[in-house]
């Protein structure tokens, strides 16, 4: 979404709430939205929040893409999928209001 769209949505929401903006307030809001949009869409901002792993130098784009595609197309030997052993246990919730235990001898443990 561009800063113009964000500004339009913000103005529409303010008008629905009954707020009328004069030209000075409109310009201040536009500058605020534009500044915020420019800051948050900057690549350094996204990197500072660890939303991206790094930057690709434009002249290295082809080599980086080739390397990435080679990595994802390599496959390990086609071995059958094996799930292994899955252990399932019934869990007792001691905080449940409908569960009353007189003593530990009434608890079943193990796989059954």
PDB file of N, CA and C in Angstrom:
ATOM      1  N   UNK A   1       0.844  -1.157   0.000  1.00  0.00           N
ATOM      2  CA  UNK A   1       0.000   0.000   0.000  1.00  0.00           C
ATOM      3  C   UNK A   1       0.896   1.229   0.000  1.00  0.00           C
ATOM      4  N   UNK A   2       0.615   2.158  -0.849  1.00  0.00           N
ATOM      5  CA  UNK A   2       1.409   3.367  -0.930  1.00  0.00           C
ATOM      6  C   UNK A   2       0.972   4.412   0.084  1.00  0.00           C
ATOM      7  N   UNK A   3       1.793   5.432   0.239  1.00  0.00           N
ATOM      8  CA  UNK A   3       1.471   6.467   1.212  1.00  0.00           C
ATOM      9  C   UNK A   3       0.205   7.235   0.836  1.00  0.00           C
ATOM     10  N   UNK A   4      -0.092   7.361  -0.455  1.00  0.00           N
ATOM     11  CA  UNK A   4      -1.321   8.037  -0.895  1.00  0.00           C
ATOM     12  C   UNK A   4      -2.548   7.245  -0.444  1.00  0.00           C
ATOM     13  N   UNK A   5      -2.497   5.937  -0.587  1.00  0.00           N
ATOM     14  CA  UNK A   5      -3.613   5.085  -0.166  1.00  0.00           C
ATOM     15  C   UNK A   5      -3.794   5.147   1.346  1.00  0.00           C
ATOM     16  N   UNK A   6      -2.696   5.087   2.077  1.00  0.00           N
ATOM     17  CA  UNK A   6      -2.770   5.168   3.540  1.00  0.00           C
ATOM     18  C   UNK A   6      -3.368   6.507   3.961  1.00  0.00           C
ATOM     19  N   UNK A   7      -2.954   7.577   3.286  1.00  0.00           N
ATOM     20  CA  UNK A   7      -3.488   8.905   3.593  1.00  0.00           C
ATOM     21  C   UNK A   7      -4.988   8.960   3.310  1.00  0.00           C
ATOM     22  N   UNK A   8      -5.423   8.427   2.178  1.00  0.00           N
ATOM     23  CA  UNK A   8      -6.851   8.421   1.832  1.00  0.00           C
ATOM     24  C   UNK A   8      -7.667   7.661   2.873  1.00  0.00           C
ATOM     25  N   UNK A   9      -7.161   6.517   3.305  1.00  0.00           N
ATOM     26  CA  UNK A   9      -7.871   5.708   4.308  1.00  0.00           C
ATOM     27  C   UNK A   9      -7.947   6.454   5.633  1.00  0.00           C
ATOM     28  N   UNK A  10      -6.846   7.080   6.033  1.00  0.00           N
ATOM     29  CA  UNK A  10      -6.812   7.828   7.291  1.00  0.00           C
ATOM     30  C   UNK A  10      -7.788   8.997   7.259  1.00  0.00           C
ATOM     31  N   UNK A  11      -7.813   9.727   6.163  1.00  0.00           N
ATOM     32  CA  UNK A  11      -8.731  10.868   6.027  1.00  0.00           C
ATOM     33  C   UNK A  11     -10.181  10.392   6.051  1.00  0.00           C
ATOM     34  N   UNK A  12     -10.473   9.312   5.339  1.00  0.00           N
ATOM     35  CA  UNK A  12     -11.842   8.777   5.323  1.00  0.00           C
ATOM     36  C   UNK A  12     -12.272   8.347   6.724  1.00  0.00           C
ATOM     37  N   UNK A  13     -11.368   7.721   7.471  1.00  0.00           N
ATOM     38  CA  UNK A  13     -11.693   7.289   8.833  1.00  0.00           C
ATOM     39  C   UNK A  13     -11.940   8.491   9.741  1.00  0.00           C
ATOM     40  N   UNK A  14     -11.137   9.536   9.575  1.00  0.00           N
ATOM     41  CA  UNK A  14     -11.322  10.738  10.391  1.00  0.00           C
ATOM     42  C   UNK A  14     -12.647  11.420  10.063  1.00  0.00           C
ATOM     43  N   UNK A  15     -13.019  11.444   8.795  1.00  0.00           N
ATOM     44  CA  UNK A  15     -14.295  12.063   8.395  1.00  0.00           C
ATOM     45  C   UNK A  15     -15.479  11.262   8.936  1.00  0.00           C
ATOM     46  N   UNK A  16     -15.358   9.925   8.910  1.00  0.00           N
ATOM     47  CA  UNK A  16     -16.427   9.088   9.470  1.00  0.00           C
ATOM     48  C   UNK A  16     -16.584   9.340  10.964  1.00  0.00           C
ATOM     49  N   UNK A  17     -15.465   9.649  11.623  1.00  0.00           N
ATOM     50  CA  UNK A  17     -15.508   9.923  13.059  1.00  0.00           C
ATOM     51  C   UNK A  17     -15.995  11.341  13.358  1.00  0.00           C
ATOM     52  N   UNK A  18     -16.231  12.130  12.316  1.00  0.00           N
ATOM     53  CA  UNK A  18     -16.748  13.475  12.497  1.00  0.00           C
ATOM     54  C   UNK A  18     -15.686  14.551  12.548  1.00  0.00           C
ATOM     55  N   UNK A  19     -14.452  14.224  12.257  1.00  0.00           N
ATOM     56  CA  UNK A  19     -13.366  15.209  12.260  1.00  0.00           C
ATOM     57  C   UNK A  19     -13.194  15.798  10.866  1.00  0.00           C
ATOM     58  N   UNK A  20     -13.256  17.118  10.791  1.00  0.00           N
ATOM     59  CA  UNK A  20     -13.021  17.806   9.525  1.00  0.00           C
ATOM     60  C   UNK A  20     -11.641  18.454   9.584  1.00  0.00           C
ATOM     61  N   UNK A  21     -10.838  18.217   8.573  1.00  0.00           N
ATOM     62  CA  UNK A  21      -9.481  18.752   8.538  1.00  0.00           C
ATOM     63  C   UNK A  21      -9.418  19.977   7.636  1.00  0.00           C
ATOM     64  N   UNK A  22      -8.719  21.007   8.119  1.00  0.00           N
ATOM     65  CA  UNK A  22      -8.477  22.151   7.242  1.00  0.00           C
ATOM     66  C   UNK A  22      -7.217  21.874   6.426  1.00  0.00           C
ATOM     67  N   UNK A  23      -6.857  22.788   5.557  1.00  0.00           N
ATOM     68  CA  UNK A  23      -5.723  22.571   4.645  1.00  0.00           C
ATOM     69  C   UNK A  23      -4.411  22.385   5.401  1.00  0.00           C
ATOM     70  N   UNK A  24      -4.236  23.140   6.487  1.00  0.00           N
ATOM     71  CA  UNK A  24      -2.996  23.047   7.269  1.00  0.00           C
ATOM     72  C   UNK A  24      -2.874  21.671   7.938  1.00  0.00           C
ATOM     73  N   UNK A  25      -3.965  21.199   8.541  1.00  0.00           N
ATOM     74  CA  UNK A  25      -3.961  19.881   9.185  1.00  0.00           C
ATOM     75  C   UNK A  25      -3.785  18.765   8.155  1.00  0.00           C
ATOM     76  N   UNK A  26      -4.404  18.955   6.995  1.00  0.00           N
ATOM     77  CA  UNK A  26      -4.293  17.965   5.920  1.00  0.00           C
ATOM     78  C   UNK A  26      -2.845  17.842   5.457  1.00  0.00           C
ATOM     79  N   UNK A  27      -2.169  18.964   5.304  1.00  0.00           N
ATOM     80  CA  UNK A  27      -0.767  18.955   4.874  1.00  0.00           C
ATOM     81  C   UNK A  27       0.129  18.317   5.940  1.00  0.00           C
ATOM     82  N   UNK A  28      -0.136  18.615   7.210  1.00  0.00           N
ATOM     83  CA  UNK A  28       0.651  18.022   8.298  1.00  0.00           C
ATOM     84  C   UNK A  28       0.455  16.507   8.336  1.00  0.00           C
ATOM     85  N   UNK A  29      -0.782  16.067   8.153  1.00  0.00           N
ATOM     86  CA  UNK A  29      -1.067  14.633   8.133  1.00  0.00           C
ATOM     87  C   UNK A  29      -0.396  13.962   6.939  1.00  0.00           C
ATOM     88  N   UNK A  30      -0.443  14.625   5.781  1.00  0.00           N
ATOM     89  CA  UNK A  30       0.198  14.071   4.590  1.00  0.00           C
ATOM     90  C   UNK A  30       1.700  13.908   4.810  1.00  0.00           C
ATOM     91  N   UNK A  31       2.334  14.916   5.386  1.00  0.00           N
ATOM     92  CA  UNK A  31       3.773  14.838   5.649  1.00  0.00           C
ATOM     93  C   UNK A  31       4.099  13.731   6.646  1.00  0.00           C
ATOM     94  N   UNK A  32       3.257  13.595   7.671  1.00  0.00           N
ATOM     95  CA  UNK A  32       3.472  12.552   8.682  1.00  0.00           C
ATOM     96  C   UNK A  32       3.356  11.162   8.057  1.00  0.00           C
ATOM     97  N   UNK A  33       2.315  10.942   7.269  1.00  0.00           N
ATOM     98  CA  UNK A  33       2.106   9.637   6.626  1.00  0.00           C
ATOM     99  C   UNK A  33       3.226   9.346   5.634  1.00  0.00           C
ATOM    100  N   UNK A  34       3.602  10.338   4.848  1.00  0.00           N
ATOM    101  CA  UNK A  34       4.668  10.150   3.857  1.00  0.00           C
ATOM    102  C   UNK A  34       5.998   9.828   4.535  1.00  0.00           C
ATOM    103  N   UNK A  35       6.307  10.544   5.602  1.00  0.00           N
ATOM    104  CA  UNK A  35       7.553  10.314   6.335  1.00  0.00           C
ATOM    105  C   UNK A  35       7.576   8.913   6.949  1.00  0.00           C
ATOM    106  N   UNK A  36       6.471   8.527   7.567  1.00  0.00           N
ATOM    107  CA  UNK A  36       6.378   7.202   8.184  1.00  0.00           C
ATOM    108  C   UNK A  36       6.497   6.107   7.133  1.00  0.00           C
ATOM    109  N   UNK A  37       5.830   6.300   6.001  1.00  0.00           N
ATOM    110  CA  UNK A  37       5.870   5.307   4.928  1.00  0.00           C
ATOM    111  C   UNK A  37       7.279   5.173   4.368  1.00  0.00           C
ATOM    112  N   UNK A  38       7.932   6.305   4.129  1.00  0.00           N
ATOM    113  CA  UNK A  38       9.300   6.264   3.597  1.00  0.00           C
ATOM    114  C   UNK A  38      10.256   5.572   4.565  1.00  0.00           C
ATOM    115  N   UNK A  39      10.076   5.843   5.853  1.00  0.00           N
ATOM    116  CA  UNK A  39      10.959   5.237   6.856  1.00  0.00           C
ATOM    117  C   UNK A  39      10.754   3.728   6.953  1.00  0.00           C
ATOM    118  N   UNK A  40       9.501   3.290   6.993  1.00  0.00           N
ATOM    119  CA  UNK A  40       9.235   1.871   7.211  1.00  0.00           C
ATOM    120  C   UNK A  40       9.423   1.017   5.964  1.00  0.00           C
ATOM    121  N   UNK A  41       9.469   1.623   4.787  1.00  0.00           N
ATOM    122  CA  UNK A  41       9.706   0.831   3.578  1.00  0.00           C
ATOM    123  C   UNK A  41      11.161   0.859   3.145  1.00  0.00           C
ATOM    124  N   UNK A  42      12.003   1.535   3.899  1.00  0.00           N
ATOM    125  CA  UNK A  42      13.431   1.573   3.594  1.00  0.00           C
ATOM    126  C   UNK A  42      14.050   0.210   3.911  1.00  0.00           C
ATOM    127  N   UNK A  43      14.950  -0.265   3.074  1.00  0.00           N
ATOM    128  CA  UNK A  43      15.534  -1.594   3.270  1.00  0.00           C
ATOM    129  C   UNK A  43      16.327  -1.679   4.563  1.00  0.00           C
ATOM    130  N   UNK A  44      16.899  -0.582   5.005  1.00  0.00           N
ATOM    131  CA  UNK A  44      17.646  -0.610   6.264  1.00  0.00           C
ATOM    132  C   UNK A  44      16.706  -0.790   7.451  1.00  0.00           C
ATOM    133  N   UNK A  45      15.493  -0.274   7.342  1.00  0.00           N
ATOM    134  CA  UNK A  45      14.505  -0.451   8.409  1.00  0.00           C
ATOM    135  C   UNK A  45      14.105  -1.924   8.522  1.00  0.00           C
ATOM    136  N   UNK A  46      13.832  -2.555   7.386  1.00  0.00           N
ATOM    137  CA  UNK A  46      13.447  -3.970   7.426  1.00  0.00           C
ATOM    138  C   UNK A  46      14.593  -4.832   7.937  1.00  0.00           C
ATOM    139  N   UNK A  47      15.811  -4.505   7.562  1.00  0.00           N
ATOM    140  CA  UNK A  47      16.961  -5.274   8.041  1.00  0.00           C
ATOM    141  C   UNK A  47      17.175  -5.073   9.538  1.00  0.00           C
ATOM    142  N   UNK A  48      16.920  -3.876  10.043  1.00  0.00           N
ATOM    143  CA  UNK A  48      17.116  -3.623  11.474  1.00  0.00           C
ATOM    144  C   UNK A  48      16.129  -4.411  12.325  1.00  0.00           C
ATOM    145  N   UNK A  49      15.004  -4.783  11.747  1.00  0.00           N
ATOM    146  CA  UNK A  49      14.020  -5.607  12.450  1.00  0.00           C
ATOM    147  C   UNK A  49      14.195  -7.095  12.143  1.00  0.00           C
ATOM    148  N   UNK A  50      15.245  -7.431  11.426  1.00  0.00           N
ATOM    149  CA  UNK A  50      15.552  -8.817  11.042  1.00  0.00           C
ATOM    150  C   UNK A  50      14.441  -9.436  10.203  1.00  0.00           C
ATOM    151  N   UNK A  51      13.767  -8.621   9.388  1.00  0.00           N
ATOM    152  CA  UNK A  51      12.744  -9.132   8.485  1.00  0.00           C
ATOM    153  C   UNK A  51      13.359  -9.665   7.205  1.00  0.00           C
ATOM    154  N   UNK A  52      14.605  -9.323   6.952  1.00  0.00           N
ATOM    155  CA  UNK A  52      15.341  -9.829   5.792  1.00  0.00           C
ATOM    156  C   UNK A  52      16.699 -10.319   6.279  1.00  0.00           C
ATOM    157  N   UNK A  53      17.291 -11.222   5.534  1.00  0.00           N
ATOM    158  CA  UNK A  53      18.583 -11.776   5.924  1.00  0.00           C
ATOM    159  C   UNK A  53      19.753 -10.949   5.427  1.00  0.00           C
ATOM    160  N   UNK A  54      19.561 -10.165   4.420  1.00  0.00           N
ATOM    161  CA  UNK A  54      20.657  -9.357   3.908  1.00  0.00           C
ATOM    162  C   UNK A  54      20.260  -8.659   2.630  1.00  0.00           C
ATOM    163  N   UNK A  55      21.201  -7.941   2.072  1.00  0.00           N
ATOM    164  CA  UNK A  55      20.968  -7.209   0.838  1.00  0.00           C
ATOM    165  C   UNK A  55      21.724  -7.879  -0.295  1.00  0.00           C
ATOM    166  N   UNK A  56      21.158  -7.811  -1.472  1.00  0.00           N
ATOM    167  CA  UNK A  56      21.842  -8.301  -2.669  1.00  0.00           C
ATOM    168  C   UNK A  56      22.263  -7.082  -3.474  1.00  0.00           C
ATOM    169  N   UNK A  57      23.541  -6.999  -3.740  1.00  0.00           N
ATOM    170  CA  UNK A  57      24.042  -5.933  -4.591  1.00  0.00           C
ATOM    171  C   UNK A  57      23.414  -6.125  -5.971  1.00  0.00           C
ATOM    172  N   UNK A  58      22.858  -5.093  -6.580  1.00  0.00           N
ATOM    173  CA  UNK A  58      22.157  -5.268  -7.854  1.00  0.00           C
ATOM    174  C   UNK A  58      22.958  -6.002  -8.923  1.00  0.00           C
ATOM    175  N   UNK A  59      24.266  -5.759  -9.016  1.00  0.00           N
ATOM    176  CA  UNK A  59      25.033  -6.456 -10.051  1.00  0.00           C
ATOM    177  C   UNK A  59      25.274  -7.930  -9.703  1.00  0.00           C
ATOM    178  N   UNK A  60      24.989  -8.344  -8.454  1.00  0.00           N
ATOM    179  CA  UNK A  60      25.159  -9.744  -8.060  1.00  0.00           C
ATOM    180  C   UNK A  60      23.851 -10.528  -8.092  1.00  0.00           C
ATOM    181  N   UNK A  61      22.763  -9.895  -8.473  1.00  0.00           N
ATOM    182  CA  UNK A  61      21.447 -10.531  -8.420  1.00  0.00           C
ATOM    183  C   UNK A  61      21.398 -11.825  -9.217  1.00  0.00           C
ATOM    184  N   UNK A  62      21.910 -11.822 -10.426  1.00  0.00           N
ATOM    185  CA  UNK A  62      21.872 -13.015 -11.270  1.00  0.00           C
ATOM    186  C   UNK A  62      22.600 -14.182 -10.595  1.00  0.00           C
ATOM    187  N   UNK A  63      23.809 -13.945 -10.091  1.00  0.00           N
ATOM    188  CA  UNK A  63      24.582 -15.016  -9.455  1.00  0.00           C
ATOM    189  C   UNK A  63      23.914 -15.524  -8.179  1.00  0.00           C
ATOM    190  N   UNK A  64      23.330 -14.627  -7.397  1.00  0.00           N
ATOM    191  CA  UNK A  64      22.652 -15.037  -6.168  1.00  0.00           C
ATOM    192  C   UNK A  64      21.430 -15.887  -6.497  1.00  0.00           C
ATOM    193  N   UNK A  65      20.654 -15.488  -7.495  1.00  0.00           N
ATOM    194  CA  UNK A  65      19.481 -16.274  -7.884  1.00  0.00           C
ATOM    195  C   UNK A  65      19.876 -17.640  -8.432  1.00  0.00           C
ATOM    196  N   UNK A  66      20.925 -17.688  -9.241  1.00  0.00           N
ATOM    197  CA  UNK A  66      21.394 -18.974  -9.766  1.00  0.00           C
ATOM    198  C   UNK A  66      21.809 -19.884  -8.624  1.00  0.00           C
ATOM    199  N   UNK A  67      22.541 -19.344  -7.676  1.00  0.00           N
ATOM    200  CA  UNK A  67      22.986 -20.133  -6.530  1.00  0.00           C
ATOM    201  C   UNK A  67      21.799 -20.636  -5.707  1.00  0.00           C
ATOM    202  N   UNK A  68      20.813 -19.777  -5.483  1.00  0.00           N
ATOM    203  CA  UNK A  68      19.634 -20.176  -4.711  1.00  0.00           C
ATOM    204  C   UNK A  68      18.837 -21.253  -5.433  1.00  0.00           C
ATOM    205  N   UNK A  69      18.668 -21.107  -6.745  1.00  0.00           N
ATOM    206  CA  UNK A  69      17.921 -22.108  -7.511  1.00  0.00           C
ATOM    207  C   UNK A  69      18.657 -23.441  -7.554  1.00  0.00           C
ATOM    208  N   UNK A  70      19.978 -23.405  -7.642  1.00  0.00           N
ATOM    209  CA  UNK A  70      20.745 -24.649  -7.602  1.00  0.00           C
ATOM    210  C   UNK A  70      20.576 -25.341  -6.256  1.00  0.00           C
ATOM    211  N   UNK A  71      20.552 -24.580  -5.190  1.00  0.00           N
ATOM    212  CA  UNK A  71      20.410 -25.162  -3.854  1.00  0.00           C
ATOM    213  C   UNK A  71      19.052 -25.826  -3.667  1.00  0.00           C
ATOM    214  N   UNK A  72      17.989 -25.191  -4.141  1.00  0.00           N
ATOM    215  CA  UNK A  72      16.662 -25.761  -3.914  1.00  0.00           C
ATOM    216  C   UNK A  72      16.337 -26.903  -4.860  1.00  0.00           C
ATOM    217  N   UNK A  73      17.067 -27.025  -5.966  1.00  0.00           N
ATOM    218  CA  UNK A  73      16.779 -28.124  -6.886  1.00  0.00           C
ATOM    219  C   UNK A  73      17.584 -29.370  -6.565  1.00  0.00           C
ATOM    220  N   UNK A  74      18.567 -29.270  -5.686  1.00  0.00           N
ATOM    221  CA  UNK A  74      19.316 -30.464  -5.293  1.00  0.00           C
ATOM    222  C   UNK A  74      18.471 -31.251  -4.305  1.00  0.00           C
ATOM    223  N   UNK A  75      18.394 -32.543  -4.534  1.00  0.00           N
ATOM    224  CA  UNK A  75      17.584 -33.389  -3.665  1.00  0.00           C
ATOM    225  C   UNK A  75      18.439 -34.490  -3.088  1.00  0.00           C
ATOM    226  N   UNK A  76      18.098 -34.890  -1.913  1.00  0.00           N
ATOM    227  CA  UNK A  76      18.765 -36.032  -1.301  1.00  0.00           C
ATOM    228  C   UNK A  76      18.259 -37.294  -1.993  1.00  0.00           C
ATOM    229  N   UNK A  77      18.895 -38.411  -1.698  1.00  0.00           N
ATOM    230  CA  UNK A  77      18.443 -39.678  -2.268  1.00  0.00           C
ATOM    231  C   UNK A  77      16.969 -39.877  -1.946  1.00  0.00           C
ATOM    232  N   UNK A  78      16.257 -40.418  -2.911  1.00  0.00           N
ATOM    233  CA  UNK A  78      14.831 -40.656  -2.707  1.00  0.00           C
ATOM    234  C   UNK A  78      14.637 -41.841  -1.777  1.00  0.00           C
ATOM    235  N   UNK A  79      14.536 -41.560  -0.508  1.00  0.00           N
ATOM    236  CA  UNK A  79      14.263 -42.604   0.471  1.00  0.00           C
ATOM    237  C   UNK A  79      12.789 -42.518   0.837  1.00  0.00           C
ATOM    238  N   UNK A  80      12.209 -43.660   1.170  1.00  0.00           N
ATOM    239  CA  UNK A  80      10.796 -43.620   1.556  1.00  0.00           C
ATOM    240  C   UNK A  80      10.617 -42.803   2.841  1.00  0.00           C
ATOM    241  N   UNK A  81       9.508 -42.129   2.926  1.00  0.00           N
ATOM    242  CA  UNK A  81       9.198 -41.334   4.105  1.00  0.00           C
ATOM    243  C   UNK A  81       8.858 -42.262   5.261  1.00  0.00           C
ATOM    244  N   UNK A  82       9.542 -42.083   6.374  1.00  0.00           N
ATOM    245  CA  UNK A  82       9.287 -42.896   7.566  1.00  0.00           C
ATOM    246  C   UNK A  82       8.951 -41.977   8.731  1.00  0.00           C
ATOM    247  N   UNK A  83       7.855 -42.264   9.370  1.00  0.00           N
ATOM    248  CA  UNK A  83       7.435 -41.413  10.484  1.00  0.00           C
ATOM    249  C   UNK A  83       8.070 -41.814  11.798  1.00  0.00           C
ATOM    250  N   UNK A  84       8.565 -43.022  11.917  1.00  0.00           N
ATOM    251  CA  UNK A  84       9.130 -43.455  13.189  1.00  0.00           C
ATOM    252  C   UNK A  84       8.026 -43.853  14.142  1.00  0.00           C
ATOM    253  N   UNK A  85       8.315 -43.789  15.422  1.00  0.00           N
ATOM    254  CA  UNK A  85       7.354 -44.182  16.444  1.00  0.00           C
ATOM    255  C   UNK A  85       6.760 -42.926  17.060  1.00  0.00           C
ATOM    256  N   UNK A  86       5.450 -42.882  17.093  1.00  0.00           N
ATOM    257  CA  UNK A  86       4.755 -41.748  17.675  1.00  0.00           C
ATOM    258  C   UNK A  86       4.101 -42.207  18.968  1.00  0.00           C
ATOM    259  N   UNK A  87       4.507 -41.622  20.075  1.00  0.00           N
ATOM    260  CA  UNK A  87       3.938 -42.003  21.364  1.00  0.00           C
ATOM    261  C   UNK A  87       2.838 -41.021  21.729  1.00  0.00           C
ATOM    262  N   UNK A  88       1.686 -41.574  22.036  1.00  0.00           N
ATOM    263  CA  UNK A  88       0.549 -40.752  22.408  1.00  0.00           C
ATOM    264  C   UNK A  88       0.151 -41.124  23.819  1.00  0.00           C
ATOM    265  N   UNK A  89      -0.004 -40.133  24.655  1.00  0.00           N
ATOM    266  CA  UNK A  89      -0.406 -40.376  26.041  1.00  0.00           C
ATOM    267  C   UNK A  89      -1.624 -39.518  26.360  1.00  0.00           C
ATOM    268  N   UNK A  90      -2.445 -40.053  27.214  1.00  0.00           N
ATOM    269  CA  UNK A  90      -3.559 -39.259  27.713  1.00  0.00           C
ATOM    270  C   UNK A  90      -3.015 -38.351  28.810  1.00  0.00           C
ATOM    271  N   UNK A  91      -3.351 -37.109  28.734  1.00  0.00           N
ATOM    272  CA  UNK A  91      -2.873 -36.163  29.729  1.00  0.00           C
ATOM    273  C   UNK A  91      -4.007 -35.804  30.672  1.00  0.00           C
ATOM    274  N   UNK A  92      -3.707 -35.759  31.946  1.00  0.00           N
ATOM    275  CA  UNK A  92      -4.683 -35.330  32.936  1.00  0.00           C
ATOM    276  C   UNK A  92      -4.419 -33.866  33.253  1.00  0.00           C
ATOM    277  N   UNK A  93      -5.448 -33.082  33.226  1.00  0.00           N
ATOM    278  CA  UNK A  93      -5.317 -31.666  33.546  1.00  0.00           C
ATOM    279  C   UNK A  93      -5.705 -31.461  35.005  1.00  0.00           C
ATOM    280  N   UNK A  94      -4.740 -31.203  35.891  1.00  0.00           N
ATOM    281  CA  UNK A  94      -5.072 -31.056  37.307  1.00  0.00           C
ATOM    282  C   UNK A  94      -5.879 -29.792  37.597  1.00  0.00           C
ATOM    283  N   UNK A  95      -5.950 -28.874  36.656  1.00  0.00           N
ATOM    284  CA  UNK A  95      -6.701 -27.648  36.877  1.00  0.00           C
ATOM    285  C   UNK A  95      -8.152 -27.760  36.433  1.00  0.00           C
ATOM    286  N   UNK A  96      -8.515 -28.888  35.832  1.00  0.00           N
ATOM    287  CA  UNK A  96      -9.887 -29.056  35.359  1.00  0.00           C
ATOM    288  C   UNK A  96     -10.836 -29.098  36.550  1.00  0.00           C
ATOM    289  N   UNK A  97     -11.959 -28.426  36.446  1.00  0.00           N
ATOM    290  CA  UNK A  97     -12.883 -28.342  37.575  1.00  0.00           C
ATOM    291  C   UNK A  97     -13.674 -29.628  37.770  1.00  0.00           C
ATOM    292  N   UNK A  98     -13.829 -30.421  36.737  1.00  0.00           N
ATOM    293  CA  UNK A  98     -14.630 -31.635  36.863  1.00  0.00           C
ATOM    294  C   UNK A  98     -13.787 -32.862  37.188  1.00  0.00           C
ATOM    295  N   UNK A  99     -12.521 -32.708  37.493  1.00  0.00           N
ATOM    296  CA  UNK A  99     -11.636 -33.836  37.765  1.00  0.00           C
ATOM    297  C   UNK A  99     -11.297 -33.857  39.246  1.00  0.00           C
ATOM    298  N   UNK A 100     -11.681 -34.949  39.916  1.00  0.00           N
ATOM    299  CA  UNK A 100     -11.353 -35.097  41.334  1.00  0.00           C
ATOM    300  C   UNK A 100     -10.633 -36.420  41.519  1.00  0.00           C
ATOM    301  N   UNK A 101      -9.494 -36.357  42.142  1.00  0.00           N
ATOM    302  CA  UNK A 101      -8.725 -37.562  42.420  1.00  0.00           C
ATOM    303  C   UNK A 101      -8.556 -37.686  43.927  1.00  0.00           C
ATOM    304  N   UNK A 102      -8.953 -38.855  44.461  1.00  0.00           N
ATOM    305  CA  UNK A 102      -8.819 -39.067  45.900  1.00  0.00           C
ATOM    306  C   UNK A 102      -7.361 -39.262  46.277  1.00  0.00           C
ATOM    307  N   UNK A 103      -6.661 -40.051  45.486  1.00  0.00           N
ATOM    308  CA  UNK A 103      -5.236 -40.239  45.734  1.00  0.00           C
ATOM    309  C   UNK A 103      -4.568 -40.659  44.434  1.00  0.00           C
ATOM    310  N   UNK A 104      -3.271 -40.799  44.463  1.00  0.00           N
ATOM    311  CA  UNK A 104      -2.506 -41.111  43.257  1.00  0.00           C
ATOM    312  C   UNK A 104      -2.795 -42.508  42.729  1.00  0.00           C
ATOM    313  N   UNK A 105      -3.342 -43.400  43.547  1.00  0.00           N
ATOM    314  CA  UNK A 105      -3.609 -44.764  43.085  1.00  0.00           C
ATOM    315  C   UNK A 105      -4.714 -44.800  42.035  1.00  0.00           C
ATOM    316  N   UNK A 106      -5.502 -43.762  41.929  1.00  0.00           N
ATOM    317  CA  UNK A 106      -6.564 -43.733  40.934  1.00  0.00           C
ATOM    318  C   UNK A 106      -6.083 -43.251  39.573  1.00  0.00           C
ATOM    319  N   UNK A 107      -4.858 -42.765  39.496  1.00  0.00           N
ATOM    320  CA  UNK A 107      -4.309 -42.284  38.223  1.00  0.00           C
ATOM    321  C   UNK A 107      -3.751 -43.451  37.442  1.00  0.00           C
ATOM    322  N   UNK A 108      -4.071 -43.513  36.157  1.00  0.00           N
ATOM    323  CA  UNK A 108      -3.458 -44.506  35.287  1.00  0.00           C
ATOM    324  C   UNK A 108      -2.292 -43.845  34.592  1.00  0.00           C
ATOM    325  N   UNK A 109      -1.192 -44.526  34.532  1.00  0.00           N
ATOM    326  CA  UNK A 109      -0.039 -44.008  33.812  1.00  0.00           C
ATOM    327  C   UNK A 109       0.326 -44.995  32.737  1.00  0.00           C
ATOM    328  N   UNK A 110       1.142 -44.559  31.827  1.00  0.00           N
ATOM    329  CA  UNK A 110       1.579 -45.451  30.760  1.00  0.00           C
ATOM    330  C   UNK A 110       0.789 -45.200  29.500  1.00  0.00           C
ATOM    331  N   UNK A 111       0.840 -46.147  28.618  1.00  0.00           N
ATOM    332  CA  UNK A 111       0.247 -45.968  27.294  1.00  0.00           C
ATOM    333  C   UNK A 111      -1.223 -46.267  27.228  1.00  0.00           C
ATOM    334  N   UNK A 112      -1.869 -46.709  28.264  1.00  0.00           N
ATOM    335  CA  UNK A 112      -3.228 -47.149  28.125  1.00  0.00           C
ATOM    336  C   UNK A 112      -4.172 -46.327  28.838  1.00  0.00           C
TER     337      UNK A 112
END
